[in-house]
Amino acid sequence: MVVGLRHFARSVGCLLIAGGIGTEAELEMLGTLEIRLARGFLLGRPRPVADQVGDGRELRPGA
């Protein structure tokens, strides 16, 4: 399934992000499959959006 998604993403020119990466084995498999973007507990615990993008003002319409 992941190989199919990777092929589709490449054929339409978009990025594929793997989610839920929790183990080294999962991360290694992504490397084998040439998936370059990932997120999950292994790579960092979730944080509030405001911590990621500043104070969050740019997320509110009309701000």
PDB file of N, CA and C in Angstrom:
ATOM      1  N   MET A   1       0.819  -1.189   0.000  1.00  0.00           N
ATOM      2  CA  MET A   1       0.000   0.000   0.000  1.00  0.00           C
ATOM      3  C   MET A   1       0.871   1.264   0.000  1.00  0.00           C
ATOM      4  N   VAL A   2       1.902   1.263   0.847  1.00  0.00           N
ATOM      5  CA  VAL A   2       2.776   2.435   0.929  1.00  0.00           C
ATOM      6  C   VAL A   2       3.498   2.660  -0.397  1.00  0.00           C
ATOM      7  N   VAL A   3       3.932   1.585  -1.032  1.00  0.00           N
ATOM      8  CA  VAL A   3       4.605   1.710  -2.326  1.00  0.00           C
ATOM      9  C   VAL A   3       3.649   2.315  -3.352  1.00  0.00           C
ATOM     10  N   GLY A   4       2.388   1.907  -3.322  1.00  0.00           N
ATOM     11  CA  GLY A   4       1.394   2.476  -4.227  1.00  0.00           C
ATOM     12  C   GLY A   4       1.168   3.951  -3.968  1.00  0.00           C
ATOM     13  N   LEU A   5       1.070   4.327  -2.691  1.00  0.00           N
ATOM     14  CA  LEU A   5       0.913   5.740  -2.349  1.00  0.00           C
ATOM     15  C   LEU A   5       2.135   6.551  -2.767  1.00  0.00           C
ATOM     16  N   ARG A   6       3.326   5.969  -2.565  1.00  0.00           N
ATOM     17  CA  ARG A   6       4.557   6.649  -2.975  1.00  0.00           C
ATOM     18  C   ARG A   6       4.553   6.881  -4.486  1.00  0.00           C
ATOM     19  N   HIS A   7       4.165   5.860  -5.244  1.00  0.00           N
ATOM     20  CA  HIS A   7       4.106   5.987  -6.708  1.00  0.00           C
ATOM     21  C   HIS A   7       3.115   7.072  -7.124  1.00  0.00           C
ATOM     22  N   PHE A   8       1.933   7.053  -6.510  1.00  0.00           N
ATOM     23  CA  PHE A   8       0.923   8.064  -6.827  1.00  0.00           C
ATOM     24  C   PHE A   8       1.443   9.467  -6.517  1.00  0.00           C
ATOM     25  N   ALA A   9       2.027   9.651  -5.327  1.00  0.00           N
ATOM     26  CA  ALA A   9       2.539  10.962  -4.933  1.00  0.00           C
ATOM     27  C   ALA A   9       3.583  11.467  -5.927  1.00  0.00           C
ATOM     28  N   ARG A  10       4.466  10.583  -6.330  1.00  0.00           N
ATOM     29  CA  ARG A  10       5.496  10.986  -7.297  1.00  0.00           C
ATOM     30  C   ARG A  10       4.886  11.325  -8.649  1.00  0.00           C
ATOM     31  N   SER A  11       3.893  10.552  -9.072  1.00  0.00           N
ATOM     32  CA  SER A  11       3.317  10.772 -10.398  1.00  0.00           C
ATOM     33  C   SER A  11       2.531  12.077 -10.487  1.00  0.00           C
ATOM     34  N   VAL A  12       1.967  12.534  -9.372  1.00  0.00           N
ATOM     35  CA  VAL A  12       1.221  13.793  -9.396  1.00  0.00           C
ATOM     36  C   VAL A  12       2.017  14.963  -8.833  1.00  0.00           C
ATOM     37  N   GLY A  13       3.258  14.707  -8.405  1.00  0.00           N
ATOM     38  CA  GLY A  13       4.128  15.786  -7.941  1.00  0.00           C
ATOM     39  C   GLY A  13       3.818  16.308  -6.552  1.00  0.00           C
ATOM     40  N   CYS A  14       3.351  15.436  -5.659  1.00  0.00           N
ATOM     41  CA  CYS A  14       3.104  15.893  -4.296  1.00  0.00           C
ATOM     42  C   CYS A  14       4.000  15.144  -3.313  1.00  0.00           C
ATOM     43  N   LEU A  15       4.004  15.608  -2.081  1.00  0.00           N
ATOM     44  CA  LEU A  15       4.828  15.001  -1.040  1.00  0.00           C
ATOM     45  C   LEU A  15       4.009  13.997  -0.243  1.00  0.00           C
ATOM     46  N   LEU A  16       4.649  12.925   0.172  1.00  0.00           N
ATOM     47  CA  LEU A  16       4.019  11.905   0.997  1.00  0.00           C
ATOM     48  C   LEU A  16       4.658  11.965   2.378  1.00  0.00           C
ATOM     49  N   ILE A  17       3.826  12.057   3.409  1.00  0.00           N
ATOM     50  CA  ILE A  17       4.311  12.111   4.782  1.00  0.00           C
ATOM     51  C   ILE A  17       3.781  10.891   5.522  1.00  0.00           C
ATOM     52  N   ALA A  18       4.689  10.086   6.057  1.00  0.00           N
ATOM     53  CA  ALA A  18       4.299   8.923   6.849  1.00  0.00           C
ATOM     54  C   ALA A  18       3.997   9.372   8.266  1.00  0.00           C
ATOM     55  N   GLY A  19       2.908   8.885   8.823  1.00  0.00           N
ATOM     56  CA  GLY A  19       2.522   9.263  10.178  1.00  0.00           C
ATOM     57  C   GLY A  19       2.523   8.073  11.119  1.00  0.00           C
ATOM     58  N   GLY A  20       2.600   8.370  12.394  1.00  0.00           N
ATOM     59  CA  GLY A  20       2.521   7.332  13.407  1.00  0.00           C
ATOM     60  C   GLY A  20       3.789   6.524  13.578  1.00  0.00           C
ATOM     61  N   ILE A  21       4.939   7.109  13.268  1.00  0.00           N
ATOM     62  CA  ILE A  21       6.207   6.391  13.376  1.00  0.00           C
ATOM     63  C   ILE A  21       6.591   6.317  14.854  1.00  0.00           C
ATOM     64  N   GLY A  22       6.641   5.089  15.376  1.00  0.00           N
ATOM     65  CA  GLY A  22       6.902   4.907  16.796  1.00  0.00           C
ATOM     66  C   GLY A  22       8.102   4.043  17.112  1.00  0.00           C
ATOM     67  N   THR A  23       8.667   3.368  16.098  1.00  0.00           N
ATOM     68  CA  THR A  23       9.806   2.488  16.349  1.00  0.00           C
ATOM     69  C   THR A  23      10.909   2.722  15.335  1.00  0.00           C
ATOM     70  N   GLU A  24      12.116   2.334  15.712  1.00  0.00           N
ATOM     71  CA  GLU A  24      13.255   2.429  14.785  1.00  0.00           C
ATOM     72  C   GLU A  24      13.022   1.568  13.549  1.00  0.00           C
ATOM     73  N   ALA A  25      12.394   0.409  13.730  1.00  0.00           N
ATOM     74  CA  ALA A  25      12.128  -0.487  12.600  1.00  0.00           C
ATOM     75  C   ALA A  25      11.215   0.182  11.568  1.00  0.00           C
ATOM     76  N   GLU A  26      10.206   0.899  12.046  1.00  0.00           N
ATOM     77  CA  GLU A  26       9.314   1.622  11.132  1.00  0.00           C
ATOM     78  C   GLU A  26      10.078   2.702  10.379  1.00  0.00           C
ATOM     79  N   LEU A  27      10.931   3.410  11.082  1.00  0.00           N
ATOM     80  CA  LEU A  27      11.730   4.458  10.451  1.00  0.00           C
ATOM     81  C   LEU A  27      12.679   3.880   9.416  1.00  0.00           C
ATOM     82  N   GLU A  28      13.311   2.767   9.734  1.00  0.00           N
ATOM     83  CA  GLU A  28      14.206   2.107   8.779  1.00  0.00           C
ATOM     84  C   GLU A  28      13.447   1.660   7.528  1.00  0.00           C
ATOM     85  N   MET A  29      12.244   1.131   7.714  1.00  0.00           N
ATOM     86  CA  MET A  29      11.445   0.697   6.568  1.00  0.00           C
ATOM     87  C   MET A  29      11.118   1.867   5.656  1.00  0.00           C
ATOM     88  N   LEU A  30      10.844   3.024   6.231  1.00  0.00           N
ATOM     89  CA  LEU A  30      10.581   4.209   5.407  1.00  0.00           C
ATOM     90  C   LEU A  30      11.785   4.554   4.545  1.00  0.00           C
ATOM     91  N   GLY A  31      12.978   4.431   5.128  1.00  0.00           N
ATOM     92  CA  GLY A  31      14.190   4.676   4.347  1.00  0.00           C
ATOM     93  C   GLY A  31      14.317   3.695   3.194  1.00  0.00           C
ATOM     94  N   THR A  32      14.002   2.435   3.468  1.00  0.00           N
ATOM     95  CA  THR A  32      14.051   1.409   2.429  1.00  0.00           C
ATOM     96  C   THR A  32      13.055   1.724   1.308  1.00  0.00           C
ATOM     97  N   LEU A  33      11.909   2.250   1.683  1.00  0.00           N
ATOM     98  CA  LEU A  33      10.869   2.576   0.707  1.00  0.00           C
ATOM     99  C   LEU A  33      11.040   3.963   0.082  1.00  0.00           C
ATOM    100  N   GLU A  34      12.101   4.659   0.463  1.00  0.00           N
ATOM    101  CA  GLU A  34      12.408   6.003  -0.037  1.00  0.00           C
ATOM    102  C   GLU A  34      11.326   7.021   0.306  1.00  0.00           C
ATOM    103  N   ILE A  35      10.729   6.879   1.490  1.00  0.00           N
ATOM    104  CA  ILE A  35       9.795   7.872   2.019  1.00  0.00           C
ATOM    105  C   ILE A  35      10.641   8.826   2.852  1.00  0.00           C
ATOM    106  N   ARG A  36      10.662  10.091   2.499  1.00  0.00           N
ATOM    107  CA  ARG A  36      11.593  11.039   3.109  1.00  0.00           C
ATOM    108  C   ARG A  36      10.998  11.920   4.199  1.00  0.00           C
ATOM    109  N   LEU A  37       9.682  11.955   4.344  1.00  0.00           N
ATOM    110  CA  LEU A  37       9.046  12.798   5.357  1.00  0.00           C
ATOM    111  C   LEU A  37       8.225  11.925   6.290  1.00  0.00           C
ATOM    112  N   ALA A  38       8.344  12.177   7.602  1.00  0.00           N
ATOM    113  CA  ALA A  38       7.619  11.364   8.570  1.00  0.00           C
ATOM    114  C   ALA A  38       7.354  12.151   9.841  1.00  0.00           C
ATOM    115  N   ARG A  39       6.383  11.646  10.613  1.00  0.00           N
ATOM    116  CA  ARG A  39       6.082  12.221  11.912  1.00  0.00           C
ATOM    117  C   ARG A  39       5.665  11.080  12.827  1.00  0.00           C
ATOM    118  N   GLY A  40       5.753  11.306  14.117  1.00  0.00           N
ATOM    119  CA  GLY A  40       5.366  10.285  15.077  1.00  0.00           C
ATOM    120  C   GLY A  40       6.113  10.455  16.387  1.00  0.00           C
ATOM    121  N   PHE A  41       5.731   9.664  17.390  1.00  0.00           N
ATOM    122  CA  PHE A  41       6.322   9.788  18.724  1.00  0.00           C
ATOM    123  C   PHE A  41       7.828   9.549  18.714  1.00  0.00           C
ATOM    124  N   LEU A  42       8.319   8.659  17.849  1.00  0.00           N
ATOM    125  CA  LEU A  42       9.757   8.414  17.780  1.00  0.00           C
ATOM    126  C   LEU A  42      10.514   9.680  17.388  1.00  0.00           C
ATOM    127  N   LEU A  43       9.907  10.497  16.558  1.00  0.00           N
ATOM    128  CA  LEU A  43      10.570  11.684  16.028  1.00  0.00           C
ATOM    129  C   LEU A  43      10.300  12.935  16.838  1.00  0.00           C
ATOM    130  N   GLY A  44       9.401  12.867  17.764  1.00  0.00           N
ATOM    131  CA  GLY A  44       9.092  14.019  18.609  1.00  0.00           C
ATOM    132  C   GLY A  44       7.652  13.972  19.069  1.00  0.00           C
ATOM    133  N   ARG A  45       7.443  14.276  20.324  1.00  0.00           N
ATOM    134  CA  ARG A  45       6.083  14.279  20.868  1.00  0.00           C
ATOM    135  C   ARG A  45       5.284  15.421  20.263  1.00  0.00           C
ATOM    136  N   PRO A  46       3.975  15.246  20.144  1.00  0.00           N
ATOM    137  CA  PRO A  46       3.129  16.335  19.635  1.00  0.00           C
ATOM    138  C   PRO A  46       3.263  17.582  20.509  1.00  0.00           C
ATOM    139  N   ARG A  47       3.202  18.729  19.871  1.00  0.00           N
ATOM    140  CA  ARG A  47       3.268  20.010  20.579  1.00  0.00           C
ATOM    141  C   ARG A  47       2.115  20.880  20.121  1.00  0.00           C
ATOM    142  N   PRO A  48       1.729  21.859  20.912  1.00  0.00           N
ATOM    143  CA  PRO A  48       0.682  22.783  20.472  1.00  0.00           C
ATOM    144  C   PRO A  48       1.086  23.482  19.165  1.00  0.00           C
ATOM    145  N   VAL A  49       0.101  23.749  18.340  1.00  0.00           N
ATOM    146  CA  VAL A  49       0.363  24.405  17.062  1.00  0.00           C
ATOM    147  C   VAL A  49       1.101  25.720  17.269  1.00  0.00           C
ATOM    148  N   ALA A  50       0.723  26.485  18.282  1.00  0.00           N
ATOM    149  CA  ALA A  50       1.361  27.779  18.523  1.00  0.00           C
ATOM    150  C   ALA A  50       2.862  27.625  18.738  1.00  0.00           C
ATOM    151  N   ASP A  51       3.296  26.501  19.315  1.00  0.00           N
ATOM    152  CA  ASP A  51       4.733  26.263  19.494  1.00  0.00           C
ATOM    153  C   ASP A  51       5.431  26.039  18.161  1.00  0.00           C
ATOM    154  N   GLN A  52       4.686  25.561  17.184  1.00  0.00           N
ATOM    155  CA  GLN A  52       5.255  25.238  15.876  1.00  0.00           C
ATOM    156  C   GLN A  52       5.341  26.457  14.962  1.00  0.00           C
ATOM    157  N   VAL A  53       4.351  27.351  15.045  1.00  0.00           N
ATOM    158  CA  VAL A  53       4.252  28.442  14.071  1.00  0.00           C
ATOM    159  C   VAL A  53       4.289  29.826  14.712  1.00  0.00           C
ATOM    160  N   GLY A  54       4.805  29.932  15.889  1.00  0.00           N
ATOM    161  CA  GLY A  54       4.847  31.226  16.550  1.00  0.00           C
ATOM    162  C   GLY A  54       3.703  31.330  17.538  1.00  0.00           C
ATOM    163  N   ASP A  55       2.988  32.447  17.518  1.00  0.00           N
ATOM    164  CA  ASP A  55       1.919  32.637  18.508  1.00  0.00           C
ATOM    165  C   ASP A  55       0.561  32.156  18.012  1.00  0.00           C
ATOM    166  N   GLY A  56       0.485  31.600  16.822  1.00  0.00           N
ATOM    167  CA  GLY A  56      -0.763  31.050  16.315  1.00  0.00           C
ATOM    168  C   GLY A  56      -1.666  32.043  15.617  1.00  0.00           C
ATOM    169  N   ARG A  57      -1.312  33.314  15.618  1.00  0.00           N
ATOM    170  CA  ARG A  57      -2.188  34.318  14.995  1.00  0.00           C
ATOM    171  C   ARG A  57      -2.448  34.022  13.529  1.00  0.00           C
ATOM    172  N   GLU A  58      -1.448  33.507  12.807  1.00  0.00           N
ATOM    173  CA  GLU A  58      -1.612  33.261  11.380  1.00  0.00           C
ATOM    174  C   GLU A  58      -2.578  32.117  11.084  1.00  0.00           C
ATOM    175  N   LEU A  59      -3.027  31.404  12.128  1.00  0.00           N
ATOM    176  CA  LEU A  59      -3.961  30.296  11.934  1.00  0.00           C
ATOM    177  C   LEU A  59      -5.427  30.754  12.002  1.00  0.00           C
ATOM    178  N   ARG A  60      -5.672  31.945  12.533  1.00  0.00           N
ATOM    179  CA  ARG A  60      -7.045  32.440  12.682  1.00  0.00           C
ATOM    180  C   ARG A  60      -7.418  33.280  11.467  1.00  0.00           C
ATOM    181  N   PRO A  61      -8.531  32.973  10.834  1.00  0.00           N
ATOM    182  CA  PRO A  61      -8.970  33.797   9.698  1.00  0.00           C
ATOM    183  C   PRO A  61      -9.168  35.243  10.127  1.00  0.00           C
ATOM    184  N   GLY A  62      -8.719  36.143   9.317  1.00  0.00           N
ATOM    185  CA  GLY A  62      -8.902  37.564   9.571  1.00  0.00           C
ATOM    186  C   GLY A  62      -7.944  38.158  10.590  1.00  0.00           C
ATOM    187  N   ALA A  63      -7.000  37.375  11.082  1.00  0.00           N
ATOM    188  CA  ALA A  63      -6.064  37.901  12.081  1.00  0.00           C
ATOM    189  C   ALA A  63      -4.946  38.668  11.422  1.00  0.00           C
TER     190      ALA A  63
END
